[in-house]
Amino acid sequence: MITFAVTWFYSGKSPKAPGTAGSFAALPFGWLIWAYGGNTALIIASIAVFAIGIWVAHLYSNMLGIHDAGEIVIDEVVGQWMCLLVVPLGAVWMDAVWLLIAFLAFRIFDVIKPWPIRWVDRRVGGGFGIMFDDVLAGVFAMIALVGVVYLTGDLSGS
């Protein structure tokens, strides 16, 4: 059960780019949570997955003997869901575009890891450290996405 959670339904077991696979696998769940409960439900779900993620990432890392193994992608789920909080979902035909933009924004910050994300990634240990650098990447991506939404004038028309 720990492997199932920490690899987000085994998406983290992808032989190529497991973080990207985990981020992508997070999108339909995040969209469904948002569609049925709005931002409030998505915030609650993100907090719950963050808390569970600290625990399972810590256990899984200890089991493997590797801090933040690539197959641990529950951290990507939280960071990716955070991005959905600031994009204009609700015009179903445009949701796919905004999901793609949110996906790309998060992946850019998660891969590049500008300061302080890189500092956290290298210096904060345990399950909290595994989860928190992706939360920071999510925050950076959210800021960028707010700019994109503003500059596009919310093309969805909603």
N, C-alpha and C. Protein backbone atom coordinates (compact mmCIF):
# COMPACT_ATOMS: atom_id res chain seq x y z
N MET A 1 0.82 -1.19 0.00
CA MET A 1 0.00 0.00 0.00
C MET A 1 0.87 1.27 0.00
N ILE A 2 2.01 1.22 0.69
CA ILE A 2 2.91 2.37 0.72
C ILE A 2 3.43 2.65 -0.69
N THR A 3 3.84 1.60 -1.39
CA THR A 3 4.36 1.77 -2.75
C THR A 3 3.29 2.36 -3.66
N PHE A 4 2.07 1.88 -3.53
CA PHE A 4 0.95 2.36 -4.33
C PHE A 4 0.77 3.87 -4.14
N ALA A 5 0.84 4.33 -2.89
CA ALA A 5 0.64 5.75 -2.58
C ALA A 5 1.84 6.58 -3.00
N VAL A 6 3.03 6.16 -2.61
CA VAL A 6 4.23 6.98 -2.83
C VAL A 6 4.57 7.10 -4.31
N THR A 7 4.21 6.10 -5.10
CA THR A 7 4.46 6.15 -6.55
C THR A 7 3.23 6.64 -7.31
N TRP A 8 2.23 7.10 -6.60
CA TRP A 8 0.96 7.59 -7.15
C TRP A 8 0.42 6.64 -8.21
N PHE A 9 -0.10 5.52 -7.69
CA PHE A 9 -0.70 4.48 -8.53
C PHE A 9 0.30 3.89 -9.51
N TYR A 10 1.55 3.80 -9.07
CA TYR A 10 2.67 3.22 -9.81
C TYR A 10 3.15 4.07 -10.99
N SER A 11 2.65 5.29 -11.12
CA SER A 11 3.14 6.16 -12.20
C SER A 11 4.63 6.48 -12.01
N GLY A 12 5.08 6.50 -10.76
CA GLY A 12 6.49 6.76 -10.47
C GLY A 12 7.41 5.61 -10.87
N LYS A 13 6.84 4.49 -11.22
CA LYS A 13 7.63 3.35 -11.69
C LYS A 13 7.94 3.45 -13.18
N SER A 14 7.53 4.54 -13.80
CA SER A 14 7.82 4.75 -15.22
C SER A 14 9.33 4.70 -15.43
N PRO A 15 9.80 3.94 -16.43
CA PRO A 15 11.24 3.83 -16.64
C PRO A 15 11.89 5.13 -17.13
N LYS A 16 11.11 6.00 -17.70
CA LYS A 16 11.62 7.29 -18.18
C LYS A 16 10.82 8.41 -17.52
N ALA A 17 11.51 9.39 -16.99
CA ALA A 17 10.91 10.60 -16.42
C ALA A 17 9.77 10.31 -15.43
N PRO A 18 10.07 9.60 -14.34
CA PRO A 18 9.00 9.27 -13.40
C PRO A 18 8.34 10.51 -12.77
N GLY A 19 9.09 11.57 -12.55
CA GLY A 19 8.49 12.80 -12.01
C GLY A 19 7.48 13.40 -12.96
N THR A 20 7.79 13.37 -14.23
CA THR A 20 6.88 13.87 -15.25
C THR A 20 5.64 12.97 -15.32
N ALA A 21 5.85 11.66 -15.25
CA ALA A 21 4.73 10.72 -15.26
C ALA A 21 3.83 10.93 -14.05
N GLY A 22 4.44 11.14 -12.88
CA GLY A 22 3.66 11.39 -11.67
C GLY A 22 2.88 12.68 -11.74
N SER A 23 3.50 13.72 -12.26
CA SER A 23 2.81 15.01 -12.43
C SER A 23 1.63 14.86 -13.38
N PHE A 24 1.85 14.15 -14.47
CA PHE A 24 0.80 13.94 -15.45
C PHE A 24 -0.34 13.12 -14.86
N ALA A 25 0.01 12.09 -14.08
CA ALA A 25 -1.00 11.23 -13.46
C ALA A 25 -1.80 11.98 -12.39
N ALA A 26 -1.25 13.04 -11.84
CA ALA A 26 -1.94 13.84 -10.83
C ALA A 26 -3.06 14.68 -11.44
N LEU A 27 -2.91 15.07 -12.70
CA LEU A 27 -3.84 16.02 -13.32
C LEU A 27 -5.30 15.57 -13.33
N PRO A 28 -5.62 14.37 -13.80
CA PRO A 28 -7.06 14.02 -13.83
C PRO A 28 -7.68 13.97 -12.43
N PHE A 29 -6.91 13.51 -11.45
CA PHE A 29 -7.43 13.48 -10.09
C PHE A 29 -7.66 14.90 -9.57
N GLY A 30 -6.70 15.78 -9.81
CA GLY A 30 -6.85 17.17 -9.38
C GLY A 30 -8.02 17.85 -10.05
N TRP A 31 -8.17 17.60 -11.36
CA TRP A 31 -9.29 18.21 -12.08
C TRP A 31 -10.63 17.70 -11.54
N LEU A 32 -10.72 16.39 -11.29
CA LEU A 32 -11.97 15.82 -10.77
C LEU A 32 -12.28 16.36 -9.36
N ILE A 33 -11.27 16.45 -8.52
CA ILE A 33 -11.49 17.01 -7.19
C ILE A 33 -11.99 18.44 -7.31
N TRP A 34 -11.36 19.22 -8.19
CA TRP A 34 -11.78 20.60 -8.40
C TRP A 34 -13.21 20.65 -8.96
N ALA A 35 -13.51 19.82 -9.95
CA ALA A 35 -14.82 19.83 -10.61
C ALA A 35 -15.95 19.53 -9.64
N TYR A 36 -15.69 18.65 -8.67
CA TYR A 36 -16.74 18.27 -7.74
C TYR A 36 -16.73 19.04 -6.43
N GLY A 37 -15.64 19.75 -6.14
CA GLY A 37 -15.59 20.45 -4.86
C GLY A 37 -14.94 21.82 -4.90
N GLY A 38 -14.48 22.22 -6.07
CA GLY A 38 -13.88 23.55 -6.20
C GLY A 38 -12.51 23.64 -5.53
N ASN A 39 -12.05 24.87 -5.39
CA ASN A 39 -10.73 25.10 -4.80
C ASN A 39 -10.65 24.62 -3.36
N THR A 40 -11.75 24.74 -2.61
CA THR A 40 -11.73 24.30 -1.21
C THR A 40 -11.39 22.81 -1.13
N ALA A 41 -12.05 22.00 -1.94
CA ALA A 41 -11.78 20.56 -1.94
C ALA A 41 -10.36 20.27 -2.38
N LEU A 42 -9.88 21.02 -3.37
CA LEU A 42 -8.52 20.81 -3.87
C LEU A 42 -7.48 21.19 -2.81
N ILE A 43 -7.73 22.24 -2.06
CA ILE A 43 -6.82 22.63 -0.96
C ILE A 43 -6.82 21.55 0.11
N ILE A 44 -7.99 21.08 0.50
CA ILE A 44 -8.09 20.02 1.52
C ILE A 44 -7.38 18.75 1.05
N ALA A 45 -7.61 18.37 -0.21
CA ALA A 45 -6.97 17.17 -0.76
C ALA A 45 -5.46 17.34 -0.80
N SER A 46 -4.99 18.54 -1.17
CA SER A 46 -3.55 18.80 -1.24
C SER A 46 -2.91 18.70 0.15
N ILE A 47 -3.57 19.25 1.14
CA ILE A 47 -3.05 19.17 2.51
C ILE A 47 -3.01 17.72 2.97
N ALA A 48 -4.08 16.97 2.68
CA ALA A 48 -4.13 15.56 3.08
C ALA A 48 -3.03 14.75 2.40
N VAL A 49 -2.85 14.95 1.09
CA VAL A 49 -1.81 14.21 0.36
C VAL A 49 -0.43 14.65 0.84
N PHE A 50 -0.26 15.93 1.16
CA PHE A 50 1.02 16.40 1.71
C PHE A 50 1.34 15.67 3.01
N ALA A 51 0.38 15.60 3.91
CA ALA A 51 0.60 14.94 5.21
C ALA A 51 0.88 13.44 5.02
N ILE A 52 0.09 12.79 4.20
CA ILE A 52 0.31 11.37 3.92
C ILE A 52 1.66 11.19 3.22
N GLY A 53 1.97 12.10 2.32
CA GLY A 53 3.22 12.03 1.56
C GLY A 53 4.45 12.11 2.45
N ILE A 54 4.41 12.97 3.47
CA ILE A 54 5.55 13.05 4.40
C ILE A 54 5.80 11.68 5.01
N TRP A 55 4.75 11.05 5.44
CA TRP A 55 4.86 9.75 6.11
C TRP A 55 5.32 8.65 5.14
N VAL A 56 4.63 8.51 3.99
CA VAL A 56 4.98 7.40 3.09
C VAL A 56 6.32 7.62 2.40
N ALA A 57 6.65 8.87 2.09
CA ALA A 57 7.96 9.14 1.47
C ALA A 57 9.09 8.81 2.44
N HIS A 58 8.89 9.13 3.71
CA HIS A 58 9.90 8.80 4.72
C HIS A 58 10.07 7.28 4.83
N LEU A 59 8.95 6.57 4.96
CA LEU A 59 9.01 5.11 5.08
C LEU A 59 9.65 4.46 3.84
N TYR A 60 9.24 4.91 2.66
CA TYR A 60 9.73 4.33 1.42
C TYR A 60 11.22 4.62 1.23
N SER A 61 11.63 5.85 1.54
CA SER A 61 13.05 6.21 1.45
C SER A 61 13.89 5.33 2.37
N ASN A 62 13.42 5.13 3.59
CA ASN A 62 14.14 4.27 4.53
C ASN A 62 14.17 2.83 4.03
N MET A 63 13.08 2.38 3.44
CA MET A 63 13.00 1.01 2.93
C MET A 63 14.03 0.80 1.80
N LEU A 64 14.14 1.81 0.91
CA LEU A 64 15.08 1.71 -0.20
C LEU A 64 16.51 2.08 0.19
N GLY A 65 16.64 2.90 1.23
CA GLY A 65 17.94 3.42 1.61
C GLY A 65 18.41 4.54 0.70
N ILE A 66 17.45 5.19 0.02
CA ILE A 66 17.75 6.29 -0.91
C ILE A 66 16.84 7.46 -0.57
N HIS A 67 17.44 8.63 -0.32
CA HIS A 67 16.63 9.82 -0.08
C HIS A 67 16.07 10.33 -1.40
N ASP A 68 14.77 10.48 -1.44
CA ASP A 68 14.06 11.03 -2.61
C ASP A 68 14.35 10.27 -3.90
N ALA A 69 14.12 8.98 -3.87
CA ALA A 69 14.26 8.15 -5.07
C ALA A 69 13.31 8.67 -6.14
N GLY A 70 13.71 8.55 -7.39
CA GLY A 70 12.92 9.06 -8.50
C GLY A 70 11.50 8.54 -8.56
N GLU A 71 11.29 7.33 -8.09
CA GLU A 71 9.95 6.76 -8.17
C GLU A 71 8.99 7.34 -7.13
N ILE A 72 9.50 8.09 -6.17
CA ILE A 72 8.64 8.79 -5.21
C ILE A 72 8.06 10.00 -5.93
N VAL A 73 6.78 9.95 -6.24
CA VAL A 73 6.15 11.05 -6.99
C VAL A 73 4.94 11.65 -6.29
N ILE A 74 4.66 11.21 -5.07
CA ILE A 74 3.54 11.80 -4.34
C ILE A 74 3.79 13.29 -4.10
N ASP A 75 5.05 13.68 -4.05
CA ASP A 75 5.40 15.10 -3.90
C ASP A 75 5.01 15.89 -5.14
N GLU A 76 5.17 15.30 -6.31
CA GLU A 76 4.75 15.97 -7.55
C GLU A 76 3.24 16.18 -7.58
N VAL A 77 2.50 15.26 -6.99
CA VAL A 77 1.04 15.38 -6.97
C VAL A 77 0.62 16.67 -6.27
N VAL A 78 1.18 16.91 -5.10
CA VAL A 78 0.81 18.11 -4.34
C VAL A 78 1.21 19.37 -5.10
N GLY A 79 2.44 19.42 -5.59
CA GLY A 79 2.89 20.59 -6.34
C GLY A 79 2.05 20.84 -7.57
N GLN A 80 1.68 19.77 -8.26
CA GLN A 80 0.87 19.91 -9.47
C GLN A 80 -0.53 20.39 -9.13
N TRP A 81 -1.13 19.85 -8.08
CA TRP A 81 -2.47 20.27 -7.70
C TRP A 81 -2.51 21.73 -7.28
N MET A 82 -1.44 22.20 -6.65
CA MET A 82 -1.38 23.60 -6.25
C MET A 82 -1.56 24.51 -7.46
N CYS A 83 -0.97 24.12 -8.57
CA CYS A 83 -1.05 24.93 -9.79
C CYS A 83 -2.48 25.05 -10.31
N LEU A 84 -3.30 24.05 -10.05
CA LEU A 84 -4.68 24.08 -10.53
C LEU A 84 -5.53 25.10 -9.78
N LEU A 85 -5.03 25.55 -8.63
CA LEU A 85 -5.78 26.52 -7.83
C LEU A 85 -5.84 27.90 -8.48
N VAL A 86 -4.94 28.20 -9.39
CA VAL A 86 -4.86 29.56 -9.93
C VAL A 86 -5.18 29.65 -11.43
N VAL A 87 -5.45 28.53 -12.07
CA VAL A 87 -5.82 28.60 -13.48
C VAL A 87 -7.35 28.58 -13.59
N PRO A 88 -7.89 29.24 -14.63
CA PRO A 88 -9.35 29.36 -14.76
C PRO A 88 -10.00 28.10 -15.34
N LEU A 89 -10.27 27.16 -14.47
CA LEU A 89 -10.95 25.95 -14.90
C LEU A 89 -12.46 26.21 -14.92
N GLY A 90 -13.17 25.41 -15.65
CA GLY A 90 -14.62 25.51 -15.67
C GLY A 90 -15.21 25.65 -17.05
N ALA A 91 -14.44 26.10 -18.01
CA ALA A 91 -14.89 26.13 -19.40
C ALA A 91 -14.29 24.88 -20.03
N VAL A 92 -15.03 23.79 -19.96
CA VAL A 92 -14.49 22.45 -20.22
C VAL A 92 -13.61 22.39 -21.47
N TRP A 93 -13.98 23.06 -22.51
CA TRP A 93 -13.18 23.00 -23.73
C TRP A 93 -11.80 23.60 -23.54
N MET A 94 -11.65 24.56 -22.61
CA MET A 94 -10.35 25.18 -22.37
C MET A 94 -9.59 24.52 -21.21
N ASP A 95 -10.27 23.71 -20.43
CA ASP A 95 -9.61 23.10 -19.28
C ASP A 95 -8.38 22.31 -19.68
N ALA A 96 -8.44 21.60 -20.78
CA ALA A 96 -7.29 20.81 -21.23
C ALA A 96 -6.09 21.71 -21.50
N VAL A 97 -6.34 22.87 -22.06
CA VAL A 97 -5.24 23.82 -22.34
C VAL A 97 -4.64 24.31 -21.02
N TRP A 98 -5.51 24.70 -20.07
CA TRP A 98 -5.00 25.20 -18.79
C TRP A 98 -4.30 24.09 -18.00
N LEU A 99 -4.79 22.86 -18.10
CA LEU A 99 -4.10 21.75 -17.44
C LEU A 99 -2.71 21.56 -18.02
N LEU A 100 -2.58 21.66 -19.33
CA LEU A 100 -1.28 21.53 -19.98
C LEU A 100 -0.35 22.68 -19.56
N ILE A 101 -0.86 23.89 -19.53
CA ILE A 101 -0.04 25.03 -19.12
C ILE A 101 0.40 24.87 -17.66
N ALA A 102 -0.52 24.45 -16.79
CA ALA A 102 -0.18 24.23 -15.38
C ALA A 102 0.86 23.11 -15.24
N PHE A 103 0.70 22.06 -16.02
CA PHE A 103 1.64 20.94 -16.02
C PHE A 103 3.04 21.42 -16.41
N LEU A 104 3.12 22.16 -17.49
CA LEU A 104 4.43 22.66 -17.96
C LEU A 104 5.07 23.61 -16.96
N ALA A 105 4.27 24.50 -16.39
CA ALA A 105 4.81 25.46 -15.41
C ALA A 105 5.41 24.72 -14.21
N PHE A 106 4.66 23.76 -13.69
CA PHE A 106 5.17 23.02 -12.53
C PHE A 106 6.43 22.23 -12.89
N ARG A 107 6.41 21.54 -14.02
CA ARG A 107 7.57 20.73 -14.40
C ARG A 107 8.81 21.60 -14.57
N ILE A 108 8.67 22.78 -15.15
CA ILE A 108 9.82 23.67 -15.33
C ILE A 108 10.45 24.00 -13.98
N PHE A 109 9.64 24.43 -13.02
CA PHE A 109 10.21 24.79 -11.71
C PHE A 109 10.69 23.58 -10.93
N ASP A 110 10.04 22.43 -11.11
CA ASP A 110 10.47 21.22 -10.41
C ASP A 110 11.80 20.72 -10.96
N VAL A 111 12.02 20.86 -12.24
CA VAL A 111 13.27 20.39 -12.86
C VAL A 111 14.40 21.39 -12.65
N ILE A 112 14.15 22.66 -12.90
CA ILE A 112 15.19 23.68 -12.79
C ILE A 112 15.59 23.94 -11.34
N LYS A 113 14.62 23.90 -10.44
CA LYS A 113 14.84 24.10 -9.00
C LYS A 113 15.63 25.38 -8.69
N PRO A 114 15.06 26.55 -8.99
CA PRO A 114 15.75 27.79 -8.60
C PRO A 114 15.79 27.91 -7.08
N TRP A 115 16.71 28.77 -6.58
CA TRP A 115 16.75 29.01 -5.14
C TRP A 115 15.41 29.55 -4.70
N PRO A 116 14.86 29.16 -3.61
CA PRO A 116 15.34 28.28 -2.54
C PRO A 116 14.96 26.81 -2.71
N ILE A 117 14.34 26.47 -3.85
CA ILE A 117 13.91 25.09 -4.05
C ILE A 117 15.10 24.14 -4.00
N ARG A 118 16.16 24.48 -4.70
CA ARG A 118 17.35 23.63 -4.74
C ARG A 118 17.96 23.48 -3.33
N TRP A 119 17.97 24.58 -2.59
CA TRP A 119 18.52 24.55 -1.22
C TRP A 119 17.73 23.56 -0.37
N VAL A 120 16.39 23.64 -0.43
CA VAL A 120 15.53 22.72 0.33
C VAL A 120 15.77 21.29 -0.13
N ASP A 121 15.84 21.09 -1.44
CA ASP A 121 16.04 19.75 -1.99
C ASP A 121 17.32 19.11 -1.47
N ARG A 122 18.36 19.92 -1.31
CA ARG A 122 19.66 19.37 -0.89
C ARG A 122 19.85 19.32 0.63
N ARG A 123 19.14 20.16 1.37
CA ARG A 123 19.45 20.30 2.79
C ARG A 123 18.37 19.83 3.76
N VAL A 124 17.15 19.71 3.31
CA VAL A 124 16.07 19.31 4.22
C VAL A 124 15.79 17.82 3.98
N GLY A 125 15.96 17.05 5.02
CA GLY A 125 15.85 15.61 4.88
C GLY A 125 14.48 15.06 5.23
N GLY A 126 14.40 13.75 5.17
CA GLY A 126 13.19 13.04 5.55
C GLY A 126 12.04 13.25 4.59
N GLY A 127 10.90 12.75 5.00
CA GLY A 127 9.70 12.88 4.19
C GLY A 127 9.30 14.33 3.97
N PHE A 128 9.51 15.17 4.99
CA PHE A 128 9.17 16.59 4.84
C PHE A 128 10.00 17.23 3.74
N GLY A 129 11.28 16.96 3.72
CA GLY A 129 12.15 17.52 2.68
C GLY A 129 11.76 17.06 1.29
N ILE A 130 11.40 15.78 1.18
CA ILE A 130 10.97 15.24 -0.12
C ILE A 130 9.74 15.98 -0.61
N MET A 131 8.80 16.23 0.29
CA MET A 131 7.56 16.88 -0.10
C MET A 131 7.71 18.39 -0.30
N PHE A 132 8.49 19.03 0.57
CA PHE A 132 8.49 20.49 0.62
C PHE A 132 9.13 21.15 -0.59
N ASP A 133 10.16 20.54 -1.18
CA ASP A 133 10.75 21.19 -2.36
C ASP A 133 9.74 21.24 -3.51
N ASP A 134 8.86 20.25 -3.61
CA ASP A 134 7.85 20.28 -4.66
C ASP A 134 6.73 21.26 -4.34
N VAL A 135 6.45 21.46 -3.05
CA VAL A 135 5.50 22.51 -2.67
C VAL A 135 6.05 23.87 -3.11
N LEU A 136 7.34 24.09 -2.87
CA LEU A 136 7.96 25.36 -3.31
C LEU A 136 7.92 25.49 -4.83
N ALA A 137 8.19 24.41 -5.54
CA ALA A 137 8.08 24.46 -7.01
C ALA A 137 6.65 24.80 -7.42
N GLY A 138 5.69 24.26 -6.68
CA GLY A 138 4.29 24.59 -6.94
C GLY A 138 3.99 26.05 -6.70
N VAL A 139 4.56 26.63 -5.64
CA VAL A 139 4.36 28.06 -5.35
C VAL A 139 4.95 28.91 -6.47
N PHE A 140 6.16 28.60 -6.89
CA PHE A 140 6.80 29.34 -7.99
C PHE A 140 5.94 29.23 -9.26
N ALA A 141 5.46 28.03 -9.56
CA ALA A 141 4.63 27.83 -10.75
C ALA A 141 3.31 28.58 -10.62
N MET A 142 2.74 28.60 -9.41
CA MET A 142 1.49 29.35 -9.21
C MET A 142 1.69 30.83 -9.52
N ILE A 143 2.79 31.39 -9.07
CA ILE A 143 3.08 32.80 -9.32
C ILE A 143 3.19 33.05 -10.83
N ALA A 144 3.91 32.17 -11.51
CA ALA A 144 4.04 32.30 -12.96
C ALA A 144 2.69 32.15 -13.65
N LEU A 145 1.88 31.23 -13.18
CA LEU A 145 0.57 30.99 -13.78
C LEU A 145 -0.38 32.17 -13.58
N VAL A 146 -0.31 32.82 -12.43
CA VAL A 146 -1.12 34.01 -12.21
C VAL A 146 -0.77 35.05 -13.27
N GLY A 147 0.52 35.19 -13.56
CA GLY A 147 0.95 36.10 -14.62
C GLY A 147 0.41 35.70 -15.98
N VAL A 148 0.45 34.41 -16.29
CA VAL A 148 -0.05 33.92 -17.58
C VAL A 148 -1.56 34.19 -17.69
N VAL A 149 -2.29 33.90 -16.62
CA VAL A 149 -3.74 34.13 -16.63
C VAL A 149 -4.02 35.62 -16.83
N TYR A 150 -3.29 36.46 -16.14
CA TYR A 150 -3.47 37.91 -16.28
C TYR A 150 -3.15 38.38 -17.71
N LEU A 151 -2.02 37.91 -18.24
CA LEU A 151 -1.61 38.34 -19.58
C LEU A 151 -2.53 37.85 -20.69
N THR A 152 -3.10 36.68 -20.50
CA THR A 152 -4.00 36.14 -21.53
C THR A 152 -5.41 36.69 -21.37
N GLY A 153 -5.68 37.30 -20.24
CA GLY A 153 -7.03 37.79 -20.00
C GLY A 153 -8.03 36.67 -19.85
N ASP A 154 -7.57 35.51 -19.40
CA ASP A 154 -8.42 34.32 -19.22
C ASP A 154 -9.16 34.01 -20.52
N LEU A 155 -8.49 33.38 -21.42
CA LEU A 155 -9.02 33.06 -22.74
C LEU A 155 -10.20 32.09 -22.72
N SER A 156 -10.47 31.50 -21.57
CA SER A 156 -11.54 30.50 -21.50
C SER A 156 -12.91 31.14 -21.65
N GLY A 157 -13.01 32.42 -21.34
CA GLY A 157 -14.30 33.09 -21.46
C GLY A 157 -15.21 32.84 -20.29
N SER A 158 -14.73 32.19 -19.24
CA SER A 158 -15.59 31.94 -18.08
C SER A 158 -15.51 33.07 -17.09
